[in-house]
Amino acid sequence: MAKETTKSTKDSVKDWKSEVLPKIKAGYTIKVHQIIKEKNTKGEEKQRIQIFEGIVLARHGGNQKNATIKVRKIASGGIGVERIFPTHSPVIAKIEITKIAQVRQAKLYFLRSYSKKLKEKQV
């Protein structure tokens, strides 16, 4: 009797997001296109795409399903805004890389205090 070999589910099932998403590292300036659902007063549901552009501070989780990226941008008034995006979420429509910076660290948390210093100098 011939022994039948079967592939494991990890090998046979590929995640479509891993093929679509670009390689994202700390220091990249990216645009995250996020699908937002809004409800009217009448109960109608509308969808729109909101773009969040900023610098990637950190990446957690590698290429797993629960992988996340932390993106920071400076909003109007010099206030820093950080958001954590799950990379394999169906809410994320697209991720565009706009600029690539060469960095020496994997986590760029020092940019939080750096932006405060810039804000103080501007005032």
N, C-alpha and C. Protein backbone atom coordinates (compact mmCIF):
# COMPACT_ATOMS: atom_id res chain seq x y z
N MET A 1 0.83 -1.18 0.00
CA MET A 1 0.00 0.00 0.00
C MET A 1 0.88 1.24 0.00
N ALA A 2 0.53 2.16 -0.84
CA ALA A 2 1.29 3.41 -0.93
C ALA A 2 0.80 4.37 0.16
N LYS A 3 1.77 4.99 0.78
CA LYS A 3 1.44 5.92 1.85
C LYS A 3 1.14 7.28 1.22
N GLU A 4 0.01 7.83 1.57
CA GLU A 4 -0.41 9.10 0.99
C GLU A 4 0.12 10.26 1.83
N THR A 5 0.79 11.19 1.19
CA THR A 5 1.32 12.33 1.93
C THR A 5 0.38 13.51 1.77
N THR A 6 0.10 14.13 2.86
CA THR A 6 -0.77 15.31 2.83
C THR A 6 -0.02 16.50 3.37
N LYS A 7 -0.28 17.62 2.79
CA LYS A 7 0.36 18.85 3.27
C LYS A 7 -0.39 19.34 4.50
N SER A 8 0.36 19.95 5.40
CA SER A 8 -0.29 20.52 6.57
C SER A 8 -1.07 21.76 6.16
N THR A 9 -1.98 22.16 7.00
CA THR A 9 -2.83 23.31 6.67
C THR A 9 -2.02 24.60 6.62
N LYS A 10 -0.93 24.68 7.37
CA LYS A 10 -0.09 25.86 7.35
C LYS A 10 0.58 26.04 5.99
N ASP A 11 0.98 24.94 5.37
CA ASP A 11 1.64 25.01 4.07
C ASP A 11 0.65 25.26 2.93
N SER A 12 -0.51 24.62 3.01
CA SER A 12 -1.44 24.70 1.89
C SER A 12 -2.24 26.00 1.86
N VAL A 13 -2.54 26.54 3.03
CA VAL A 13 -3.34 27.76 3.08
C VAL A 13 -2.41 28.96 3.19
N LYS A 14 -2.44 29.81 2.18
CA LYS A 14 -1.64 31.03 2.21
C LYS A 14 -2.55 32.20 2.52
N ASP A 15 -2.04 33.09 3.31
CA ASP A 15 -2.81 34.28 3.64
C ASP A 15 -2.68 35.28 2.49
N TRP A 16 -3.79 35.76 1.99
CA TRP A 16 -3.74 36.67 0.85
C TRP A 16 -3.14 38.01 1.22
N LYS A 17 -3.25 38.41 2.48
CA LYS A 17 -2.69 39.70 2.91
C LYS A 17 -1.17 39.67 2.90
N SER A 18 -0.56 38.54 3.20
CA SER A 18 0.89 38.47 3.22
C SER A 18 1.48 38.66 1.82
N GLU A 19 0.73 38.28 0.80
CA GLU A 19 1.20 38.49 -0.56
C GLU A 19 1.00 39.94 -1.00
N VAL A 20 -0.06 40.56 -0.52
CA VAL A 20 -0.41 41.91 -0.95
C VAL A 20 0.40 42.95 -0.19
N LEU A 21 0.61 42.75 1.11
CA LEU A 21 1.27 43.75 1.94
C LEU A 21 2.76 43.85 1.62
N PRO A 22 3.28 45.06 1.55
CA PRO A 22 4.72 45.21 1.34
C PRO A 22 5.49 44.96 2.64
N LYS A 23 6.79 44.77 2.52
CA LYS A 23 7.64 44.63 3.70
C LYS A 23 7.73 45.98 4.39
N ILE A 24 7.30 46.05 5.63
CA ILE A 24 7.27 47.31 6.37
C ILE A 24 8.27 47.20 7.52
N LYS A 25 9.12 48.21 7.63
CA LYS A 25 10.11 48.25 8.70
C LYS A 25 10.01 49.58 9.42
N ALA A 26 10.65 49.67 10.57
CA ALA A 26 10.68 50.92 11.33
C ALA A 26 11.45 51.96 10.54
N GLY A 27 10.93 53.18 10.54
CA GLY A 27 11.56 54.27 9.82
C GLY A 27 10.90 54.57 8.49
N TYR A 28 10.03 53.69 8.01
CA TYR A 28 9.33 53.94 6.76
C TYR A 28 8.22 54.95 7.00
N THR A 29 8.01 55.84 6.06
CA THR A 29 6.85 56.71 6.07
C THR A 29 5.81 56.06 5.18
N ILE A 30 4.64 55.76 5.77
CA ILE A 30 3.63 55.01 5.04
C ILE A 30 2.28 55.73 5.09
N LYS A 31 1.42 55.34 4.15
CA LYS A 31 0.03 55.77 4.14
C LYS A 31 -0.82 54.53 4.35
N VAL A 32 -1.63 54.53 5.39
CA VAL A 32 -2.52 53.40 5.68
C VAL A 32 -3.93 53.81 5.28
N HIS A 33 -4.51 53.09 4.33
CA HIS A 33 -5.88 53.35 3.88
C HIS A 33 -6.80 52.45 4.69
N GLN A 34 -7.63 53.06 5.52
CA GLN A 34 -8.48 52.32 6.44
C GLN A 34 -9.94 52.51 6.05
N ILE A 35 -10.71 51.42 6.01
CA ILE A 35 -12.13 51.48 5.68
C ILE A 35 -12.90 51.80 6.96
N ILE A 36 -13.71 52.86 6.89
CA ILE A 36 -14.51 53.28 8.05
C ILE A 36 -15.98 53.19 7.67
N LYS A 37 -16.75 52.52 8.53
CA LYS A 37 -18.20 52.39 8.30
C LYS A 37 -18.91 53.40 9.19
N GLU A 38 -19.80 54.17 8.58
CA GLU A 38 -20.57 55.18 9.31
C GLU A 38 -22.05 54.89 9.15
N LYS A 39 -22.81 55.21 10.20
CA LYS A 39 -24.25 55.04 10.14
C LYS A 39 -24.92 56.40 10.12
N ASN A 40 -25.96 56.51 9.29
CA ASN A 40 -26.76 57.71 9.20
C ASN A 40 -27.78 57.74 10.33
N THR A 41 -28.51 58.85 10.43
CA THR A 41 -29.61 58.90 11.39
C THR A 41 -30.76 58.02 10.92
N LYS A 42 -30.83 57.77 9.62
CA LYS A 42 -31.86 56.90 9.06
C LYS A 42 -31.50 55.42 9.19
N GLY A 43 -30.30 55.14 9.58
CA GLY A 43 -29.86 53.76 9.74
C GLY A 43 -29.11 53.23 8.54
N GLU A 44 -28.88 54.09 7.54
CA GLU A 44 -28.12 53.67 6.37
C GLU A 44 -26.64 53.60 6.71
N GLU A 45 -25.98 52.62 6.15
CA GLU A 45 -24.55 52.43 6.43
C GLU A 45 -23.73 52.83 5.21
N LYS A 46 -22.76 53.71 5.43
CA LYS A 46 -21.88 54.16 4.36
C LYS A 46 -20.45 53.78 4.70
N GLN A 47 -19.65 53.57 3.65
CA GLN A 47 -18.24 53.28 3.84
C GLN A 47 -17.41 54.36 3.19
N ARG A 48 -16.32 54.70 3.84
CA ARG A 48 -15.36 55.63 3.27
C ARG A 48 -13.98 55.16 3.64
N ILE A 49 -12.97 55.69 2.94
CA ILE A 49 -11.59 55.33 3.21
C ILE A 49 -10.88 56.53 3.81
N GLN A 50 -10.28 56.33 4.96
CA GLN A 50 -9.53 57.38 5.63
C GLN A 50 -8.04 57.04 5.55
N ILE A 51 -7.23 58.04 5.22
CA ILE A 51 -5.79 57.82 5.06
C ILE A 51 -5.06 58.37 6.28
N PHE A 52 -4.21 57.55 6.87
CA PHE A 52 -3.38 57.94 8.01
C PHE A 52 -1.93 57.84 7.56
N GLU A 53 -1.24 58.96 7.48
CA GLU A 53 0.14 58.97 7.00
C GLU A 53 1.07 59.31 8.16
N GLY A 54 2.11 58.51 8.34
CA GLY A 54 3.06 58.75 9.41
C GLY A 54 4.27 57.84 9.32
N ILE A 55 5.11 57.93 10.35
CA ILE A 55 6.34 57.14 10.43
C ILE A 55 6.07 55.88 11.25
N VAL A 56 6.60 54.76 10.78
CA VAL A 56 6.46 53.51 11.51
C VAL A 56 7.46 53.53 12.66
N LEU A 57 6.93 53.46 13.89
CA LEU A 57 7.79 53.43 15.08
C LEU A 57 8.24 52.01 15.40
N ALA A 58 7.32 51.05 15.27
CA ALA A 58 7.64 49.68 15.65
C ALA A 58 6.76 48.71 14.88
N ARG A 59 7.26 47.50 14.81
CA ARG A 59 6.50 46.39 14.23
C ARG A 59 6.54 45.24 15.22
N HIS A 60 5.39 44.67 15.50
CA HIS A 60 5.31 43.56 16.46
C HIS A 60 4.65 42.36 15.79
N GLY A 61 5.07 41.19 16.15
CA GLY A 61 4.41 39.97 15.71
C GLY A 61 4.96 39.33 14.46
N GLY A 62 5.94 39.93 13.82
CA GLY A 62 6.54 39.32 12.63
C GLY A 62 5.55 39.18 11.49
N ASN A 63 5.41 37.97 10.95
CA ASN A 63 4.48 37.71 9.84
C ASN A 63 3.27 36.89 10.29
N GLN A 64 3.01 36.89 11.59
CA GLN A 64 1.89 36.12 12.11
C GLN A 64 0.57 36.83 11.85
N LYS A 65 -0.52 36.18 12.17
CA LYS A 65 -1.85 36.75 11.97
C LYS A 65 -2.09 37.95 12.88
N ASN A 66 -1.47 37.95 14.06
CA ASN A 66 -1.70 39.03 15.02
C ASN A 66 -0.62 40.11 14.94
N ALA A 67 0.07 40.24 13.82
CA ALA A 67 1.13 41.24 13.67
C ALA A 67 0.53 42.64 13.61
N THR A 68 1.24 43.60 14.22
CA THR A 68 0.78 44.98 14.24
C THR A 68 1.92 45.92 13.89
N ILE A 69 1.55 47.12 13.45
CA ILE A 69 2.52 48.19 13.24
C ILE A 69 2.04 49.42 13.99
N LYS A 70 2.97 50.15 14.57
CA LYS A 70 2.65 51.37 15.30
C LYS A 70 3.12 52.55 14.46
N VAL A 71 2.17 53.42 14.08
CA VAL A 71 2.44 54.55 13.18
C VAL A 71 2.19 55.84 13.94
N ARG A 72 3.10 56.82 13.75
CA ARG A 72 3.00 58.11 14.44
C ARG A 72 3.03 59.23 13.43
N LYS A 73 2.14 60.20 13.63
CA LYS A 73 2.14 61.39 12.79
C LYS A 73 1.99 62.61 13.69
N ILE A 74 2.39 63.76 13.18
CA ILE A 74 2.22 65.01 13.89
C ILE A 74 0.98 65.69 13.32
N ALA A 75 -0.04 65.84 14.14
CA ALA A 75 -1.30 66.45 13.71
C ALA A 75 -1.19 67.97 13.78
N SER A 76 -2.27 68.63 13.43
CA SER A 76 -2.26 70.09 13.47
C SER A 76 -2.08 70.57 14.91
N GLY A 77 -1.33 71.63 15.07
CA GLY A 77 -1.03 72.13 16.41
C GLY A 77 0.19 71.49 17.02
N GLY A 78 0.87 70.63 16.28
CA GLY A 78 2.08 69.99 16.79
C GLY A 78 1.84 68.86 17.76
N ILE A 79 0.64 68.29 17.77
CA ILE A 79 0.30 67.21 18.68
C ILE A 79 0.60 65.88 17.97
N GLY A 80 1.33 65.00 18.64
CA GLY A 80 1.65 63.70 18.08
C GLY A 80 0.51 62.72 18.27
N VAL A 81 0.18 61.99 17.21
CA VAL A 81 -0.89 60.99 17.24
C VAL A 81 -0.31 59.66 16.84
N GLU A 82 -0.53 58.62 17.66
CA GLU A 82 -0.06 57.27 17.35
C GLU A 82 -1.25 56.34 17.21
N ARG A 83 -1.15 55.45 16.23
CA ARG A 83 -2.18 54.45 16.04
C ARG A 83 -1.51 53.11 15.83
N ILE A 84 -2.17 52.08 16.31
CA ILE A 84 -1.69 50.71 16.13
C ILE A 84 -2.63 50.03 15.14
N PHE A 85 -2.07 49.54 14.05
CA PHE A 85 -2.85 48.88 13.01
C PHE A 85 -2.49 47.40 12.95
N PRO A 86 -3.49 46.50 13.05
CA PRO A 86 -3.23 45.09 12.78
C PRO A 86 -3.02 44.92 11.28
N THR A 87 -1.93 44.32 10.87
CA THR A 87 -1.59 44.26 9.45
C THR A 87 -2.51 43.34 8.66
N HIS A 88 -3.06 42.32 9.28
CA HIS A 88 -3.91 41.36 8.57
C HIS A 88 -5.39 41.63 8.77
N SER A 89 -5.74 42.83 9.16
CA SER A 89 -7.13 43.18 9.41
C SER A 89 -7.86 43.44 8.09
N PRO A 90 -9.13 43.04 7.99
CA PRO A 90 -9.89 43.35 6.77
C PRO A 90 -10.26 44.83 6.67
N VAL A 91 -10.07 45.58 7.74
CA VAL A 91 -10.38 47.01 7.75
C VAL A 91 -9.35 47.80 6.94
N ILE A 92 -8.14 47.29 6.85
CA ILE A 92 -7.08 47.97 6.10
C ILE A 92 -7.22 47.61 4.62
N ALA A 93 -7.46 48.65 3.81
CA ALA A 93 -7.63 48.43 2.38
C ALA A 93 -6.28 48.35 1.66
N LYS A 94 -5.35 49.25 2.03
CA LYS A 94 -4.08 49.30 1.32
C LYS A 94 -3.04 49.99 2.20
N ILE A 95 -1.79 49.63 2.02
CA ILE A 95 -0.68 50.30 2.68
C ILE A 95 0.32 50.71 1.60
N GLU A 96 0.61 52.02 1.54
CA GLU A 96 1.57 52.54 0.57
C GLU A 96 2.82 53.02 1.30
N ILE A 97 3.98 52.71 0.74
CA ILE A 97 5.23 53.22 1.28
C ILE A 97 5.58 54.48 0.50
N THR A 98 5.72 55.62 1.21
CA THR A 98 6.02 56.88 0.53
C THR A 98 7.50 57.24 0.63
N LYS A 99 8.13 56.91 1.76
CA LYS A 99 9.54 57.26 1.94
C LYS A 99 10.21 56.18 2.78
N ILE A 100 11.47 55.88 2.46
CA ILE A 100 12.24 54.90 3.22
C ILE A 100 13.42 55.62 3.86
N ALA A 101 13.50 55.54 5.19
CA ALA A 101 14.61 56.15 5.92
C ALA A 101 15.51 55.05 6.46
N GLN A 102 16.79 55.32 6.49
CA GLN A 102 17.73 54.36 7.02
C GLN A 102 17.86 54.60 8.52
N VAL A 103 17.52 53.60 9.33
CA VAL A 103 17.57 53.72 10.77
C VAL A 103 18.45 52.63 11.35
N ARG A 104 18.91 52.85 12.57
CA ARG A 104 19.80 51.89 13.22
C ARG A 104 19.11 51.07 14.30
N GLN A 105 17.88 51.43 14.63
CA GLN A 105 17.18 50.73 15.70
C GLN A 105 15.89 50.13 15.17
N ALA A 106 15.44 49.08 15.84
CA ALA A 106 14.21 48.41 15.43
C ALA A 106 12.98 49.12 15.96
N LYS A 107 13.10 49.79 17.08
CA LYS A 107 12.00 50.53 17.67
C LYS A 107 12.41 52.00 17.79
N LEU A 108 11.60 52.89 17.26
CA LEU A 108 11.95 54.31 17.21
C LEU A 108 11.15 55.13 18.21
N TYR A 109 11.08 54.67 19.44
CA TYR A 109 10.30 55.36 20.46
C TYR A 109 10.92 56.69 20.87
N PHE A 110 12.19 56.91 20.55
CA PHE A 110 12.84 58.17 20.91
C PHE A 110 12.27 59.33 20.10
N LEU A 111 11.56 59.05 19.01
CA LEU A 111 10.95 60.12 18.21
C LEU A 111 9.83 60.83 18.97
N ARG A 112 9.28 60.19 20.00
CA ARG A 112 8.24 60.84 20.80
C ARG A 112 8.77 62.08 21.49
N SER A 113 9.92 61.96 22.11
CA SER A 113 10.50 63.10 22.81
C SER A 113 11.13 64.08 21.82
N TYR A 114 11.57 63.59 20.68
CA TYR A 114 12.19 64.43 19.68
C TYR A 114 11.18 65.43 19.10
N SER A 115 9.95 64.97 18.90
CA SER A 115 8.94 65.86 18.35
C SER A 115 8.56 66.93 19.36
N LYS A 116 8.62 66.62 20.66
CA LYS A 116 8.33 67.63 21.68
C LYS A 116 9.39 68.72 21.65
N LYS A 117 10.64 68.33 21.45
CA LYS A 117 11.71 69.31 21.40
C LYS A 117 11.54 70.21 20.18
N LEU A 118 11.11 69.64 19.06
CA LEU A 118 10.87 70.44 17.87
C LEU A 118 9.73 71.42 18.11
N LYS A 119 8.73 70.97 18.82
CA LYS A 119 7.58 71.82 19.10
C LYS A 119 8.00 73.01 19.97
N GLU A 120 8.85 72.74 20.97
CA GLU A 120 9.31 73.82 21.85
C GLU A 120 10.15 74.83 21.10
N LYS A 121 10.94 74.38 20.14
CA LYS A 121 11.79 75.29 19.38
C LYS A 121 10.96 76.17 18.46
N GLN A 122 9.87 75.64 17.94
CA GLN A 122 9.05 76.39 17.00
C GLN A 122 8.28 77.51 17.68
N VAL A 123 7.94 77.35 18.95
CA VAL A 123 7.11 78.34 19.65
C VAL A 123 7.85 79.59 19.96
